[in-house]
Protein backbone atom coordinates (compact mmCIF):
# COMPACT_ATOMS: atom_id res chain seq x y z
CA MET A 1 -19.16 -28.49 3.64
CA ALA A 2 -21.68 -25.66 4.00
CA ARG A 3 -20.29 -22.17 4.00
CA ALA A 4 -20.11 -20.73 7.49
CA PRO A 5 -21.77 -17.37 8.12
CA LEU A 6 -19.70 -14.29 8.75
CA ARG A 7 -19.85 -12.51 12.04
CA LYS A 8 -22.15 -9.50 12.06
CA SER A 9 -19.67 -7.01 13.48
CA PRO A 10 -15.88 -6.62 13.48
CA SER A 11 -13.78 -7.01 16.58
CA LYS A 12 -13.07 -4.07 18.85
CA ALA A 13 -9.56 -3.69 17.41
CA VAL A 14 -10.90 -3.48 13.85
CA ARG A 15 -13.45 -0.84 14.87
CA TRP A 16 -10.59 1.27 16.21
CA ARG A 17 -8.59 1.10 12.97
CA PRO A 18 -9.92 4.35 11.38
CA TRP A 19 -9.15 6.23 14.59
CA VAL A 20 -5.63 4.82 14.70
CA GLN A 21 -5.16 5.82 11.06
CA ALA A 22 -6.37 9.35 11.85
CA ALA A 23 -3.98 9.57 14.81
CA PHE A 24 -1.04 8.56 12.63
CA LEU A 25 -2.16 11.06 10.00
CA ALA A 26 -1.80 13.80 12.60
CA VAL A 27 1.77 12.62 13.23
CA TRP A 28 2.73 12.60 9.54
CA LEU A 29 1.21 16.06 9.00
CA GLY A 30 3.74 17.72 11.26
CA PRO A 31 2.01 18.62 14.52
CA PHE A 32 3.27 21.82 16.16
CA GLY A 33 5.06 22.77 12.94
CA LEU A 34 7.45 19.82 13.14
CA ARG A 35 9.49 19.58 9.93
CA LEU A 36 12.15 16.87 9.99
CA LEU A 37 12.60 16.33 6.28
CA ASN A 38 16.12 15.04 6.82
CA VAL A 39 14.57 12.10 8.73
CA CYS A 40 13.13 9.25 6.70
CA GLY A 41 9.59 8.24 7.65
CA PRO A 42 8.17 4.72 7.20
CA VAL A 43 5.03 5.60 5.19
CA PHE A 44 4.06 6.68 1.68
CA HIS A 45 3.75 10.43 2.21
CA CYS A 46 5.16 13.12 -0.09
CA TYR A 47 7.89 15.24 1.54
CA ALA A 48 6.78 18.18 -0.66
CA CYS A 49 3.43 18.29 1.13
CA PRO A 50 3.25 21.64 2.98
CA LEU A 51 2.54 19.75 6.21
CA ALA A 52 4.92 16.80 5.81
CA ALA A 53 6.87 16.04 8.97
CA PHE A 54 9.29 13.48 7.51
CA SER A 55 10.74 12.53 4.14
CA CYS A 56 9.23 9.79 2.00
CA PRO A 57 11.34 6.60 1.94
CA VAL A 58 10.38 5.89 -1.67
CA GLY A 59 11.46 9.35 -2.79
CA VAL A 60 14.71 9.06 -0.83
CA MET A 61 15.56 5.73 -2.45
CA ALA A 62 14.81 7.12 -5.91
CA GLN A 63 16.90 10.24 -5.34
CA PHE A 64 19.84 8.20 -4.09
CA SER A 65 19.52 5.82 -7.03
CA ALA A 66 19.76 8.81 -9.37
CA MET A 67 22.99 9.80 -7.61
CA HIS A 68 24.30 6.19 -7.75
CA LEU A 69 24.41 6.03 -3.96
CA PHE A 70 22.97 3.49 -1.55
CA PRO A 71 20.24 4.94 0.74
CA PHE A 72 21.35 3.39 4.02
CA ALA A 73 18.98 5.48 6.18
CA ALA A 74 15.89 4.76 4.08
CA VAL A 75 16.59 1.06 3.63
CA GLY A 76 17.53 0.71 7.30
CA THR A 77 14.29 2.41 8.38
CA LEU A 78 12.18 0.15 6.19
CA LEU A 79 13.97 -3.02 7.28
CA VAL A 80 13.59 -2.18 10.98
CA VAL A 81 9.94 -1.16 10.74
CA GLY A 82 9.10 -3.95 8.30
CA GLY A 83 10.91 -6.49 10.42
CA LEU A 84 8.87 -5.45 13.44
CA VAL A 85 5.36 -5.03 12.05
CA GLY A 86 5.36 -5.79 8.30
CA GLY A 87 2.12 -4.86 6.56
CA PHE A 88 0.59 -3.37 9.71
CA VAL A 89 2.14 -0.10 8.51
CA CYS A 90 -0.01 -0.21 5.37
CA GLY A 91 -3.22 -1.09 7.16
CA TRP A 92 -2.93 1.13 10.22
CA ALA A 93 -0.44 3.97 9.68
CA CYS A 94 -0.11 4.93 5.99
CA PRO A 95 -1.82 8.26 5.16
CA PHE A 96 -2.29 7.45 1.48
CA GLY A 97 -3.92 4.15 2.37
CA PHE A 98 -6.20 6.04 4.76
CA PHE A 99 -7.10 8.41 1.91
CA GLN A 100 -8.21 5.46 -0.21
CA ASP A 101 -10.15 3.97 2.70
CA LEU A 102 -12.06 7.23 3.14
CA LEU A 103 -12.99 7.35 -0.55
CA ALA A 104 -14.07 3.71 -0.36
CA LYS A 105 -16.68 4.65 2.28
CA ILE A 106 -18.90 5.49 -0.69
CA PRO A 107 -20.71 2.13 -1.12
CA THR A 108 -19.98 0.52 -4.48
CA ARG A 109 -19.46 -3.07 -5.53
CA LYS A 110 -15.76 -3.90 -5.57
CA LEU A 111 -13.91 -6.24 -7.91
CA ARG A 112 -11.63 -9.04 -6.75
CA LEU A 113 -8.56 -9.33 -8.93
CA PRO A 114 -6.27 -12.38 -9.02
CA PRO A 115 -3.56 -12.29 -6.31
CA TRP A 116 -0.80 -12.32 -8.92
CA THR A 117 -1.72 -8.72 -9.88
CA GLY A 118 -0.01 -7.66 -6.64
CA HIS A 119 3.34 -8.48 -8.25
CA PHE A 120 3.04 -5.26 -10.29
CA ARG A 121 4.13 -3.47 -7.10
CA TYR A 122 7.57 -5.03 -7.48
CA VAL A 123 7.69 -3.90 -11.12
CA VAL A 124 7.00 -0.32 -9.99
CA LEU A 125 9.63 -0.61 -7.26
CA LEU A 126 12.36 -2.00 -9.51
CA ALA A 127 11.54 0.21 -12.50
CA THR A 128 10.50 3.68 -11.30
CA VAL A 129 12.29 3.74 -7.94
CA ILE A 130 15.56 2.00 -8.81
CA ALA A 131 16.21 1.40 -12.54
CA VAL A 132 14.81 4.58 -14.14
CA PRO A 133 16.57 6.94 -11.69
CA PHE A 134 19.82 4.97 -11.91
CA PHE A 135 20.00 4.92 -15.72
CA PHE A 136 18.08 8.08 -16.73
CA GLY A 137 18.23 10.38 -13.69
CA LYS A 138 15.50 12.16 -11.81
CA ASP A 139 14.47 14.23 -14.84
CA SER A 140 12.99 11.19 -16.54
CA PRO A 141 9.18 11.40 -16.99
CA LEU A 142 8.93 7.95 -15.37
CA PHE A 143 10.85 8.94 -12.24
CA ILE A 144 8.58 7.90 -9.32
CA CYS A 145 8.26 11.43 -7.90
CA SER A 146 7.16 12.69 -11.32
CA ILE A 147 4.21 10.31 -11.50
CA CYS A 148 3.42 9.68 -7.84
CA PRO A 149 -0.31 10.03 -7.02
CA ALA A 150 0.52 10.81 -3.38
CA GLY A 151 2.67 13.70 -4.58
CA ALA A 152 -0.16 14.91 -6.80
CA THR A 153 -2.64 14.78 -3.91
CA GLU A 154 -0.49 16.10 -1.10
CA ALA A 155 1.87 18.51 -2.87
CA SER A 156 0.75 19.45 -6.39
CA LEU A 157 -2.91 20.15 -5.61
CA PRO A 158 -2.19 22.32 -2.53
CA ALA A 159 0.43 24.21 -4.55
CA MET A 160 -2.07 24.83 -7.34
CA VAL A 161 -4.64 26.16 -4.87
CA ARG A 162 -2.03 28.47 -3.30
CA GLN A 163 -0.90 29.73 -6.71
CA ALA A 164 -4.48 30.35 -7.83
CA ALA A 165 -5.26 32.21 -4.60
CA THR A 166 -2.25 34.51 -4.85
CA GLY A 167 -1.81 35.03 -8.59
CA GLY A 168 -4.95 33.76 -10.28
CA TRP A 169 -5.33 30.73 -12.50
CA ASP A 170 -2.81 32.13 -14.97
CA ALA A 171 -0.13 31.65 -12.30
CA VAL A 172 -0.94 27.98 -11.72
CA VAL A 173 1.79 25.49 -12.60
CA TRP A 174 0.07 22.29 -13.63
CA PRO A 175 1.58 18.86 -12.84
CA ASN A 176 2.64 16.76 -15.77
CA ALA A 177 -0.04 14.87 -17.67
CA ILE A 178 1.13 11.44 -16.49
CA LYS A 179 0.79 12.39 -12.82
CA LEU A 180 -2.67 13.92 -13.28
CA THR A 181 -3.85 10.98 -15.37
CA LEU A 182 -2.61 8.44 -12.85
CA LEU A 183 -4.29 10.33 -10.00
CA GLY A 184 -7.58 10.47 -11.91
CA LEU A 185 -7.43 6.76 -12.72
CA LEU A 186 -6.61 5.95 -9.12
CA ILE A 187 -9.55 7.93 -7.75
CA ALA A 188 -11.86 6.20 -10.24
CA ALA A 189 -10.38 2.80 -9.38
CA VAL A 190 -11.06 3.29 -5.66
CA PHE A 191 -14.75 2.83 -6.40
CA VAL A 192 -14.28 -0.54 -8.11
CA LYS A 193 -11.27 -2.00 -6.26
CA THR A 194 -10.35 -1.84 -2.59
CA ARG A 195 -7.12 0.13 -2.16
CA PRO A 196 -6.03 -0.12 -5.81
CA TRP A 197 -2.74 1.74 -5.29
CA CYS A 198 -1.75 -0.36 -2.27
CA THR A 199 -2.59 -3.73 -3.78
CA LEU A 200 -1.48 -3.15 -7.38
CA LEU A 201 1.22 -0.47 -7.65
CA CYS A 202 2.64 0.75 -4.32
CA PRO A 203 6.43 0.17 -4.14
CA LEU A 204 6.44 0.70 -0.37
CA GLY A 205 3.63 -1.83 0.01
CA ALA A 206 5.78 -4.29 -1.94
CA ILE A 207 8.57 -3.91 0.62
CA PHE A 208 6.38 -4.20 3.71
CA GLY A 209 4.41 -7.04 2.12
CA ALA A 210 7.62 -8.99 1.63
CA CYS A 211 8.33 -8.48 5.34
CA ASN A 212 5.07 -10.18 6.36
CA ARG A 213 6.70 -13.60 6.37
CA PHE A 214 9.35 -12.74 8.96
CA ALA A 215 7.99 -9.72 10.87
CA VAL A 216 7.88 -10.00 14.66
CA ALA A 217 4.18 -9.00 14.76
CA THR A 218 2.27 -11.44 12.63
CA MET A 219 -1.10 -13.06 11.96
CA LYS A 220 -1.64 -16.65 13.03
CA VAL A 221 -4.21 -19.36 12.37
CA ASP A 222 -5.24 -21.58 15.24
CA GLN A 223 -5.51 -24.89 13.41
CA ALA A 224 -7.41 -26.41 16.31
CA ALA A 225 -10.16 -23.79 15.96
CA CYS A 226 -10.13 -23.61 12.14
CA THR A 227 -12.97 -25.55 10.47
CA SER A 228 -11.82 -24.87 6.88
CA CYS A 229 -15.12 -23.08 6.24
CA GLY A 230 -13.57 -20.45 3.95
CA ALA A 231 -15.12 -17.54 5.85
CA CYS A 232 -11.77 -15.77 6.21
CA ASP A 233 -11.20 -15.92 2.45
CA ARG A 234 -14.55 -14.24 1.84
CA MET A 235 -13.84 -11.56 4.43
CA CYS A 236 -10.58 -10.46 2.82
CA ARG A 237 -10.98 -7.58 0.39
CA TYR A 238 -7.43 -7.69 -0.92
CA GLY A 239 -7.25 -11.07 -2.61
CA VAL A 240 -5.55 -12.88 0.28
CA ARG A 241 -6.57 -16.41 1.22
CA PRO A 242 -5.77 -16.39 4.95
CA GLN A 243 -6.38 -20.08 5.52
CA LYS A 244 -3.89 -20.97 2.79
CA ASP A 245 -1.29 -18.24 3.42
CA ILE A 246 -1.96 -15.95 6.38
CA ASN A 247 1.30 -14.04 5.74
CA ASP A 248 0.67 -13.36 2.06
CA PRO A 249 2.56 -10.23 0.87
CA LEU A 250 -0.78 -8.68 -0.15
CA CYS A 251 -2.02 -8.67 3.45
CA ILE A 252 -2.16 -5.17 4.99
CA ARG A 253 -3.08 -6.58 8.43
CA CYS A 254 -6.52 -4.92 8.49
CA MET A 255 -7.56 -7.78 10.82
CA GLU A 256 -11.01 -8.23 9.25
CA CYS A 257 -10.31 -11.95 8.97
CA THR A 258 -10.04 -12.23 12.76
CA ARG A 259 -13.84 -12.24 12.80
CA CYS A 260 -13.77 -15.89 11.78
CA GLY A 261 -12.62 -16.84 15.28
CA ALA A 262 -9.59 -18.92 14.30
CA ILE A 263 -7.23 -16.07 13.31
CA SER A 264 -5.49 -13.76 15.73
CA VAL A 265 -2.56 -11.38 16.01
CA GLY A 266 0.56 -12.78 17.61
CA THR A 267 4.31 -12.74 17.38
CA VAL A 268 6.82 -15.07 15.83
CA PHE A 269 7.80 -16.13 19.35
CA GLY A 270 4.41 -17.25 20.61
CA ARG A 271 1.78 -19.76 19.68
CA PRO A 272 -1.53 -18.56 18.20
CA SER A 273 -4.32 -18.04 20.66
CA ALA A 274 -7.75 -19.43 19.97
CA GLY A 275 -10.12 -16.80 18.65
CA ALA A 276 -13.65 -16.27 19.74
CA PRO A 277 -16.18 -18.66 18.22
CA PRO A 278 -17.94 -17.19 15.21
CA GLU A 279 -21.42 -15.86 15.70
CA THR A 280 -24.23 -17.63 13.97
CA ALA A 281 -26.70 -16.25 11.49
CA PRO A 282 -29.37 -17.89 9.37
CA GLU A 283 -27.74 -17.15 6.03
CA PRO A 284 -24.14 -16.63 4.85
CA GLN A 285 -23.22 -13.01 4.26
CA THR A 286 -20.49 -11.21 2.37
CA PRO A 287 -18.80 -7.92 3.19
CA PRO A 288 -21.03 -4.99 2.13
CA ASP A 289 -18.57 -3.56 -0.38
CA GLU A 290 -17.75 -6.77 -2.19
């Protein structure tokens, strides 16, 4: 069967995604001086950021693991939010994902890695968030907060600028080498892989990705409208094959695949609605950054 062309423009909802991400960023950055660090947020956002409004659920879980306590508030928050929307948090609300999306605006050809590479997120979750803190404490060099690239971007770098401005470069306290190296590698990787942190290493993405299969808000394929053309697979930049597994844990619900016309957003309670028929074009196209 001939490959079907991709639609020329994304749906209205997809076009709004950067604006929704920016709106959520304003919420996480503590509008009106809001500082509720004793409240666990649902996104990957360092609590040590000077503008953080809520605590990071990953950091809370790691801290509690170091104290040999169960983080009921953090786990409860993630289960409720994940059970409602799953990976939509990653695609539409996470500030660190938005940071990677902004860097990816620089046009470069991106690699597509095998889907199994997404399982490394569970290794990071089990090792640096749970096992290392539990057995070695929070002073371990592999403790998640000691190597976190979000912490380096949102907390360490602003602190270095403030220290340099007030006491000169001699007063600057540099982050550890592992954190700086990981941040540098991540920034470089953004130009060759779409959202490398989210799809390869993010422990929070691992949790929300696992919720995709039972979340109330979900993606659905209208089998009556699907022609098995493979267009949705080519649209996905994260290694997901929507036609085969629309609720793959790697899916961040960016909704790019809804351009094919057979995929739509729904709930676990309703039947999928038929999408709009795909537009025609003389030749098949691929996303510009693939």
